[in-house]
Amino acid sequence: MSDRSRDETWDGFQDCVNMQPKELEDWLDTEESKSVGDSDSGESTGHRSGRRIVEIKHTKKADLTDSQYDHMQKVVGYVHRHLSQKPDGDIEESDWRYSLMNWGHDPCKSD
């Protein structure tokens, strides 16, 4: 991955992930977090992603691996796709919001 691609990925990730590491860790411990998403092996893809996001957020930019950059791109793609599928009505306690939060984005947070 070129330096330019890494910078674009970094910027996109920072824009999409609006939850702080501690906030995301606390969220991932909730029953609501564990109740959404696909779960072939007991833990949903989004929940596993959230744990990986916390790890990435605790890593210095200069120390990020190609694998972490790949995951960051995956997060950006997921958040953008999921945001375009916003349901009608109140989203505060929706599976849609909970799923996004597992991926580090709380759509109820103001920028």
N, C-alpha and C. Protein backbone atom coordinates (compact mmCIF):
# COMPACT_ATOMS: atom_id res chain seq x y z
N MET A 1 0.85 -1.18 0.00
CA MET A 1 0.00 0.00 0.00
C MET A 1 0.89 1.23 0.00
N SER A 2 0.62 2.16 -0.89
CA SER A 2 1.44 3.38 -0.99
C SER A 2 1.18 4.29 0.21
N ASP A 3 2.11 5.20 0.44
CA ASP A 3 1.94 6.16 1.53
C ASP A 3 0.67 6.99 1.35
N ARG A 4 0.38 7.32 0.10
CA ARG A 4 -0.82 8.12 -0.19
C ARG A 4 -2.08 7.32 0.16
N SER A 5 -2.10 6.04 -0.22
CA SER A 5 -3.25 5.19 0.11
C SER A 5 -3.39 5.03 1.62
N ARG A 6 -2.27 4.89 2.30
CA ARG A 6 -2.31 4.79 3.77
C ARG A 6 -2.89 6.06 4.38
N ASP A 7 -2.46 7.22 3.88
CA ASP A 7 -2.98 8.49 4.41
C ASP A 7 -4.48 8.62 4.15
N GLU A 8 -4.93 8.21 2.96
CA GLU A 8 -6.36 8.28 2.64
C GLU A 8 -7.15 7.32 3.52
N THR A 9 -6.61 6.14 3.74
CA THR A 9 -7.26 5.16 4.60
C THR A 9 -7.34 5.68 6.03
N TRP A 10 -6.23 6.23 6.51
CA TRP A 10 -6.18 6.80 7.86
C TRP A 10 -7.25 7.89 8.01
N ASP A 11 -7.29 8.80 7.07
CA ASP A 11 -8.26 9.91 7.14
C ASP A 11 -9.70 9.39 7.12
N GLY A 12 -9.98 8.45 6.23
CA GLY A 12 -11.32 7.88 6.15
C GLY A 12 -11.72 7.17 7.44
N PHE A 13 -10.78 6.45 8.01
CA PHE A 13 -11.02 5.74 9.26
C PHE A 13 -11.30 6.72 10.39
N GLN A 14 -10.50 7.78 10.46
CA GLN A 14 -10.70 8.78 11.52
C GLN A 14 -12.06 9.46 11.37
N ASP A 15 -12.51 9.67 10.14
CA ASP A 15 -13.82 10.29 9.91
C ASP A 15 -14.96 9.35 10.29
N CYS A 16 -14.81 8.06 10.01
CA CYS A 16 -15.89 7.09 10.25
C CYS A 16 -15.99 6.64 11.70
N VAL A 17 -14.88 6.44 12.35
CA VAL A 17 -14.88 5.92 13.71
C VAL A 17 -14.95 7.11 14.67
N ASN A 18 -16.17 7.36 15.17
CA ASN A 18 -16.36 8.52 16.03
C ASN A 18 -16.48 8.14 17.51
N MET A 19 -16.18 6.90 17.83
CA MET A 19 -16.18 6.45 19.23
C MET A 19 -14.74 6.32 19.71
N GLN A 20 -14.51 6.76 20.94
CA GLN A 20 -13.19 6.63 21.55
C GLN A 20 -12.96 5.17 21.98
N PRO A 21 -11.71 4.74 22.09
CA PRO A 21 -11.44 3.34 22.44
C PRO A 21 -12.18 2.86 23.70
N LYS A 22 -12.14 3.63 24.77
CA LYS A 22 -12.80 3.23 26.03
C LYS A 22 -14.31 3.15 25.83
N GLU A 23 -14.85 4.10 25.11
CA GLU A 23 -16.29 4.12 24.82
C GLU A 23 -16.69 2.87 24.02
N LEU A 24 -15.88 2.51 23.04
CA LEU A 24 -16.15 1.33 22.23
C LEU A 24 -15.98 0.05 23.07
N GLU A 25 -14.94 0.00 23.89
CA GLU A 25 -14.75 -1.17 24.76
C GLU A 25 -15.96 -1.37 25.67
N ASP A 26 -16.43 -0.28 26.28
CA ASP A 26 -17.59 -0.36 27.17
C ASP A 26 -18.82 -0.83 26.40
N TRP A 27 -19.01 -0.30 25.19
CA TRP A 27 -20.14 -0.70 24.35
C TRP A 27 -20.08 -2.19 24.03
N LEU A 28 -18.90 -2.69 23.67
CA LEU A 28 -18.75 -4.08 23.27
C LEU A 28 -19.07 -5.05 24.41
N ASP A 29 -19.05 -4.56 25.65
CA ASP A 29 -19.39 -5.39 26.81
C ASP A 29 -20.89 -5.49 27.05
N THR A 30 -21.70 -4.73 26.31
CA THR A 30 -23.15 -4.71 26.55
C THR A 30 -23.85 -5.86 25.82
N GLU A 31 -25.01 -6.21 26.33
CA GLU A 31 -25.84 -7.23 25.69
C GLU A 31 -26.34 -6.74 24.33
N GLU A 32 -26.61 -5.43 24.22
CA GLU A 32 -27.07 -4.87 22.95
C GLU A 32 -26.03 -5.07 21.86
N SER A 33 -24.78 -4.86 22.21
CA SER A 33 -23.69 -5.03 21.25
C SER A 33 -23.62 -6.48 20.77
N LYS A 34 -23.78 -7.39 21.70
CA LYS A 34 -23.65 -8.82 21.39
C LYS A 34 -24.88 -9.38 20.69
N SER A 35 -25.98 -8.60 20.68
CA SER A 35 -27.25 -9.11 20.15
C SER A 35 -27.41 -8.92 18.64
N VAL A 36 -26.51 -8.18 18.00
CA VAL A 36 -26.68 -7.88 16.58
C VAL A 36 -25.56 -8.49 15.73
N GLY A 37 -25.88 -8.70 14.46
CA GLY A 37 -24.88 -9.17 13.50
C GLY A 37 -24.91 -10.67 13.30
N ASP A 38 -24.16 -11.09 12.31
CA ASP A 38 -24.04 -12.52 12.03
C ASP A 38 -23.09 -13.15 13.05
N SER A 39 -23.38 -14.38 13.44
CA SER A 39 -22.54 -14.99 14.47
C SER A 39 -22.39 -16.48 14.24
N ASP A 40 -21.58 -16.81 13.26
CA ASP A 40 -21.32 -18.23 12.96
C ASP A 40 -20.58 -18.91 14.11
N SER A 41 -19.61 -18.21 14.68
CA SER A 41 -18.77 -18.83 15.70
C SER A 41 -19.03 -18.28 17.10
N GLY A 42 -20.19 -17.68 17.32
CA GLY A 42 -20.51 -17.16 18.64
C GLY A 42 -20.30 -15.65 18.76
N GLU A 43 -19.35 -15.12 18.02
CA GLU A 43 -19.11 -13.67 18.05
C GLU A 43 -19.37 -13.14 16.64
N SER A 44 -20.15 -12.06 16.57
CA SER A 44 -20.48 -11.51 15.25
C SER A 44 -19.26 -10.85 14.61
N THR A 45 -19.32 -10.72 13.31
CA THR A 45 -18.26 -10.06 12.56
C THR A 45 -18.05 -8.64 13.05
N GLY A 46 -19.14 -7.92 13.29
CA GLY A 46 -19.04 -6.54 13.77
C GLY A 46 -18.43 -6.44 15.15
N HIS A 47 -18.80 -7.36 16.03
CA HIS A 47 -18.26 -7.35 17.39
C HIS A 47 -16.75 -7.61 17.35
N ARG A 48 -16.34 -8.57 16.55
CA ARG A 48 -14.91 -8.88 16.37
C ARG A 48 -14.19 -7.67 15.78
N SER A 49 -14.85 -7.00 14.82
CA SER A 49 -14.28 -5.80 14.21
C SER A 49 -14.08 -4.71 15.26
N GLY A 50 -15.05 -4.55 16.15
CA GLY A 50 -14.94 -3.53 17.20
C GLY A 50 -13.72 -3.74 18.07
N ARG A 51 -13.45 -5.00 18.42
CA ARG A 51 -12.25 -5.29 19.23
C ARG A 51 -10.99 -4.93 18.45
N ARG A 52 -11.02 -5.18 17.16
CA ARG A 52 -9.85 -4.87 16.31
C ARG A 52 -9.69 -3.35 16.18
N ILE A 53 -10.80 -2.63 16.10
CA ILE A 53 -10.75 -1.16 16.02
C ILE A 53 -10.11 -0.59 17.28
N VAL A 54 -10.47 -1.11 18.44
CA VAL A 54 -9.86 -0.65 19.69
C VAL A 54 -8.34 -0.85 19.63
N GLU A 55 -7.91 -2.01 19.15
CA GLU A 55 -6.48 -2.30 19.00
C GLU A 55 -5.82 -1.28 18.07
N ILE A 56 -6.46 -1.00 16.95
CA ILE A 56 -5.92 -0.03 15.98
C ILE A 56 -5.83 1.36 16.59
N LYS A 57 -6.87 1.75 17.32
CA LYS A 57 -6.89 3.08 17.93
C LYS A 57 -5.79 3.24 18.99
N HIS A 58 -5.34 2.14 19.55
CA HIS A 58 -4.27 2.17 20.55
C HIS A 58 -2.88 2.05 19.92
N THR A 59 -2.82 1.95 18.59
CA THR A 59 -1.56 1.80 17.89
C THR A 59 -1.14 3.13 17.26
N LYS A 60 0.12 3.48 17.41
CA LYS A 60 0.62 4.70 16.77
C LYS A 60 0.52 4.53 15.26
N LYS A 61 0.21 5.61 14.56
CA LYS A 61 0.05 5.56 13.12
C LYS A 61 1.29 4.95 12.44
N ALA A 62 2.47 5.33 12.89
CA ALA A 62 3.71 4.83 12.28
C ALA A 62 3.90 3.33 12.49
N ASP A 63 3.21 2.75 13.47
CA ASP A 63 3.38 1.34 13.79
C ASP A 63 2.27 0.44 13.21
N LEU A 64 1.33 1.03 12.49
CA LEU A 64 0.23 0.24 11.93
C LEU A 64 0.74 -0.71 10.85
N THR A 65 0.18 -1.92 10.82
CA THR A 65 0.58 -2.94 9.85
C THR A 65 -0.32 -2.87 8.62
N ASP A 66 0.10 -3.56 7.57
CA ASP A 66 -0.73 -3.65 6.37
C ASP A 66 -2.08 -4.28 6.70
N SER A 67 -2.08 -5.28 7.54
CA SER A 67 -3.32 -5.93 7.94
C SER A 67 -4.26 -4.96 8.65
N GLN A 68 -3.69 -4.11 9.49
CA GLN A 68 -4.52 -3.11 10.17
C GLN A 68 -5.08 -2.09 9.18
N TYR A 69 -4.26 -1.68 8.22
CA TYR A 69 -4.77 -0.77 7.18
C TYR A 69 -5.87 -1.44 6.36
N ASP A 70 -5.71 -2.71 6.07
CA ASP A 70 -6.76 -3.44 5.35
C ASP A 70 -8.06 -3.42 6.15
N HIS A 71 -7.95 -3.63 7.45
CA HIS A 71 -9.15 -3.63 8.29
C HIS A 71 -9.76 -2.23 8.35
N MET A 72 -8.92 -1.23 8.41
CA MET A 72 -9.42 0.15 8.43
C MET A 72 -10.24 0.42 7.15
N GLN A 73 -9.76 -0.05 6.00
CA GLN A 73 -10.50 0.12 4.74
C GLN A 73 -11.84 -0.61 4.82
N LYS A 74 -11.84 -1.79 5.41
CA LYS A 74 -13.06 -2.56 5.57
C LYS A 74 -14.07 -1.79 6.44
N VAL A 75 -13.58 -1.19 7.51
CA VAL A 75 -14.44 -0.40 8.41
C VAL A 75 -15.06 0.77 7.66
N VAL A 76 -14.25 1.50 6.93
CA VAL A 76 -14.74 2.65 6.17
C VAL A 76 -15.83 2.21 5.19
N GLY A 77 -15.59 1.15 4.46
CA GLY A 77 -16.57 0.65 3.51
C GLY A 77 -17.86 0.24 4.19
N TYR A 78 -17.76 -0.48 5.31
CA TYR A 78 -18.94 -0.93 6.03
C TYR A 78 -19.75 0.26 6.53
N VAL A 79 -19.09 1.20 7.18
CA VAL A 79 -19.80 2.35 7.74
C VAL A 79 -20.52 3.13 6.64
N HIS A 80 -19.85 3.38 5.55
CA HIS A 80 -20.48 4.12 4.44
C HIS A 80 -21.70 3.37 3.88
N ARG A 81 -21.55 2.07 3.66
CA ARG A 81 -22.67 1.27 3.13
C ARG A 81 -23.83 1.25 4.12
N HIS A 82 -23.52 1.04 5.38
CA HIS A 82 -24.56 0.92 6.40
C HIS A 82 -25.29 2.26 6.62
N LEU A 83 -24.55 3.36 6.58
CA LEU A 83 -25.19 4.67 6.75
C LEU A 83 -26.20 4.95 5.64
N SER A 84 -25.94 4.44 4.46
CA SER A 84 -26.86 4.67 3.34
C SER A 84 -28.15 3.86 3.48
N GLN A 85 -28.20 2.94 4.45
CA GLN A 85 -29.38 2.11 4.67
C GLN A 85 -30.15 2.51 5.92
N LYS A 86 -30.04 3.79 6.30
CA LYS A 86 -30.70 4.26 7.52
C LYS A 86 -32.20 4.00 7.47
N PRO A 87 -32.72 3.35 8.50
CA PRO A 87 -34.16 3.07 8.53
C PRO A 87 -34.97 4.31 8.90
N ASP A 88 -36.24 4.25 8.61
CA ASP A 88 -37.14 5.32 9.02
C ASP A 88 -37.39 5.21 10.52
N GLY A 89 -37.76 6.31 11.11
CA GLY A 89 -38.14 6.29 12.52
C GLY A 89 -36.97 6.52 13.46
N ASP A 90 -37.25 6.24 14.72
CA ASP A 90 -36.27 6.45 15.78
C ASP A 90 -35.17 5.38 15.71
N ILE A 91 -33.94 5.82 15.65
CA ILE A 91 -32.81 4.89 15.54
C ILE A 91 -32.10 4.64 16.86
N GLU A 92 -32.49 5.38 17.91
CA GLU A 92 -31.79 5.34 19.19
C GLU A 92 -31.54 3.91 19.69
N GLU A 93 -32.56 3.06 19.66
CA GLU A 93 -32.41 1.69 20.17
C GLU A 93 -32.61 0.67 19.05
N SER A 94 -32.10 1.00 17.87
CA SER A 94 -32.29 0.12 16.72
C SER A 94 -31.09 -0.81 16.51
N ASP A 95 -31.37 -1.97 15.92
CA ASP A 95 -30.28 -2.88 15.56
C ASP A 95 -29.34 -2.22 14.58
N TRP A 96 -29.88 -1.35 13.72
CA TRP A 96 -29.06 -0.63 12.74
C TRP A 96 -28.00 0.20 13.45
N ARG A 97 -28.40 0.95 14.47
CA ARG A 97 -27.44 1.76 15.23
C ARG A 97 -26.46 0.86 15.98
N TYR A 98 -26.98 -0.18 16.62
CA TYR A 98 -26.12 -1.07 17.39
C TYR A 98 -25.05 -1.71 16.51
N SER A 99 -25.43 -2.09 15.32
CA SER A 99 -24.48 -2.69 14.39
C SER A 99 -23.38 -1.69 14.02
N LEU A 100 -23.78 -0.48 13.71
CA LEU A 100 -22.80 0.56 13.39
C LEU A 100 -21.86 0.82 14.57
N MET A 101 -22.41 0.82 15.77
CA MET A 101 -21.58 1.06 16.94
C MET A 101 -20.54 -0.05 17.13
N ASN A 102 -20.90 -1.28 16.78
CA ASN A 102 -19.90 -2.35 16.84
C ASN A 102 -18.73 -2.07 15.92
N TRP A 103 -18.98 -1.31 14.86
CA TRP A 103 -17.93 -0.94 13.90
C TRP A 103 -17.32 0.43 14.24
N GLY A 104 -17.62 0.96 15.44
CA GLY A 104 -16.97 2.17 15.92
C GLY A 104 -17.65 3.47 15.55
N HIS A 105 -18.85 3.40 14.97
CA HIS A 105 -19.54 4.62 14.55
C HIS A 105 -20.91 4.70 15.24
N ASP A 106 -21.10 5.75 16.03
CA ASP A 106 -22.40 6.00 16.65
C ASP A 106 -23.11 7.09 15.88
N PRO A 107 -24.16 6.74 15.11
CA PRO A 107 -24.85 7.73 14.30
C PRO A 107 -25.63 8.76 15.11
N CYS A 108 -25.77 8.54 16.41
CA CYS A 108 -26.48 9.49 17.28
C CYS A 108 -25.55 10.55 17.87
N LYS A 109 -24.25 10.38 17.67
CA LYS A 109 -23.29 11.37 18.17
C LYS A 109 -23.24 12.57 17.23
N SER A 110 -23.21 13.75 17.81
CA SER A 110 -23.04 14.94 16.97
C SER A 110 -21.56 15.14 16.70
N ASP A 111 -21.25 15.65 15.53
CA ASP A 111 -19.84 15.82 15.14
C ASP A 111 -19.15 16.91 15.88
